[in-house]
Amino acid sequence: MAPLIQNTNTTIICPCNDGESRLIIEIAQKLSFDVRISKQGWGATLFQEPDEKFADLKKHVIIIEMPGVQKEKELKDKGHSLFVIDHHKYQDIDRSF
């Protein structure tokens, strides 16, 4: 059974570096999700985020266009369900499908 994503159990981590990400943030905030906005520009990655950004995360974590395989593994190891929303091909990760 797929997990039920709700604003009470989900954190969204998203950069604010283009129109697409700004719209995602706006919608998530209107729906009262816990939104963590990265201050990074283009090329944002999870490993460049400060540790405070990962404090008190909800059970489910949605990561928008911020690759970081090691940090993703750390979050999973801490018991979070991860949902990565991305469509880019990076140097070492292909999320274009």
Protein backbone atom coordinates (compact mmCIF):
# COMPACT_ATOMS: atom_id res chain seq x y z
CA MET A 1 0.00 0.00 0.00
CA ALA A 2 1.38 3.41 -0.99
CA PRO A 3 1.98 5.89 1.83
CA LEU A 4 -0.56 8.63 2.29
CA ILE A 5 1.12 11.95 1.65
CA GLN A 6 -0.45 14.69 3.76
CA ASN A 7 0.67 18.10 4.95
CA THR A 8 0.86 16.73 8.51
CA ASN A 9 3.36 13.98 7.70
CA THR A 10 5.42 15.35 4.81
CA THR A 11 8.32 17.78 4.42
CA ILE A 12 9.20 19.23 1.02
CA ILE A 13 12.76 20.35 0.29
CA CYS A 14 12.98 22.56 -2.79
CA PRO A 15 15.28 25.21 -4.25
CA CYS A 16 13.76 28.47 -5.41
CA ASN A 17 15.81 28.88 -8.56
CA ASP A 18 13.27 28.98 -11.41
CA GLY A 19 9.58 29.38 -12.19
CA GLU A 20 8.89 25.68 -11.80
CA SER A 21 10.32 25.53 -8.29
CA ARG A 22 8.64 28.78 -7.24
CA LEU A 23 5.27 27.37 -8.29
CA ILE A 24 5.89 24.12 -6.38
CA ILE A 25 6.77 26.12 -3.26
CA GLU A 26 3.72 28.35 -3.61
CA ILE A 27 1.34 25.40 -3.99
CA ALA A 28 2.95 23.46 -1.11
CA GLN A 29 2.74 26.48 1.21
CA LYS A 30 -0.91 27.09 0.32
CA LEU A 31 -1.59 23.47 1.21
CA SER A 32 0.25 23.98 4.55
CA PHE A 33 3.10 21.53 3.93
CA ASP A 34 6.34 21.85 5.87
CA VAL A 35 8.41 23.49 3.10
CA ARG A 36 12.18 23.88 3.40
CA ILE A 37 13.35 26.35 0.75
CA SER A 38 16.96 26.08 -0.34
CA LYS A 39 18.84 29.33 -0.89
CA GLN A 40 20.99 27.65 -3.54
CA GLY A 41 20.74 28.69 -7.14
CA TRP A 42 21.02 26.52 -10.23
CA GLY A 43 22.83 23.26 -9.54
CA ALA A 44 21.46 22.93 -6.00
CA THR A 45 22.43 19.71 -4.21
CA LEU A 46 21.44 18.16 -0.91
CA PHE A 47 25.00 17.93 0.38
CA GLN A 48 25.36 21.73 0.13
CA GLU A 49 22.36 22.32 2.39
CA PRO A 50 23.05 23.30 6.00
CA ASP A 51 22.29 20.66 8.64
CA GLU A 52 19.48 22.82 10.07
CA LYS A 53 17.51 22.22 6.88
CA PHE A 54 17.21 18.54 7.89
CA ALA A 55 16.17 19.08 11.51
CA ASP A 56 12.77 17.77 12.60
CA LEU A 57 11.76 16.40 9.20
CA LYS A 58 8.39 14.70 8.89
CA LYS A 59 8.11 10.96 8.13
CA HIS A 60 7.84 11.50 4.36
CA VAL A 61 10.30 13.76 2.57
CA ILE A 62 9.83 15.03 -0.97
CA ILE A 63 13.00 16.33 -2.60
CA ILE A 64 12.60 18.55 -5.65
CA GLU A 65 15.49 18.68 -8.15
CA MET A 66 18.28 18.51 -5.58
CA PRO A 67 20.44 15.43 -6.17
CA GLY A 68 22.47 13.96 -3.36
CA VAL A 69 22.65 10.18 -3.24
CA GLN A 70 24.60 10.04 0.04
CA LYS A 71 22.23 12.43 1.83
CA GLU A 72 19.23 10.55 0.42
CA LYS A 73 20.67 7.33 1.88
CA GLU A 74 21.21 9.03 5.26
CA LEU A 75 17.59 10.17 5.33
CA LYS A 76 16.33 6.69 4.43
CA ASP A 77 18.57 5.19 7.12
CA LYS A 78 16.92 7.53 9.63
CA GLY A 79 13.52 6.06 8.71
CA HIS A 80 12.22 8.65 6.25
CA SER A 81 10.29 7.68 3.13
CA LEU A 82 11.85 9.60 0.26
CA PHE A 83 10.18 10.81 -2.90
CA VAL A 84 12.52 12.41 -5.42
CA ILE A 85 10.90 14.61 -8.05
CA ASP A 86 13.36 15.35 -10.80
CA HIS A 87 13.77 15.09 -14.56
CA HIS A 88 17.39 16.04 -15.09
CA LYS A 89 20.53 14.18 -16.05
CA TYR A 90 23.46 15.07 -13.83
CA GLN A 91 27.10 14.09 -14.12
CA ASP A 92 26.66 10.91 -12.08
CA ILE A 93 22.86 10.54 -11.75
CA ASP A 94 20.27 10.15 -14.49
CA ARG A 95 16.79 11.14 -13.37
CA SER A 96 15.60 12.09 -16.82
CA PHE A 97 13.14 9.21 -17.14
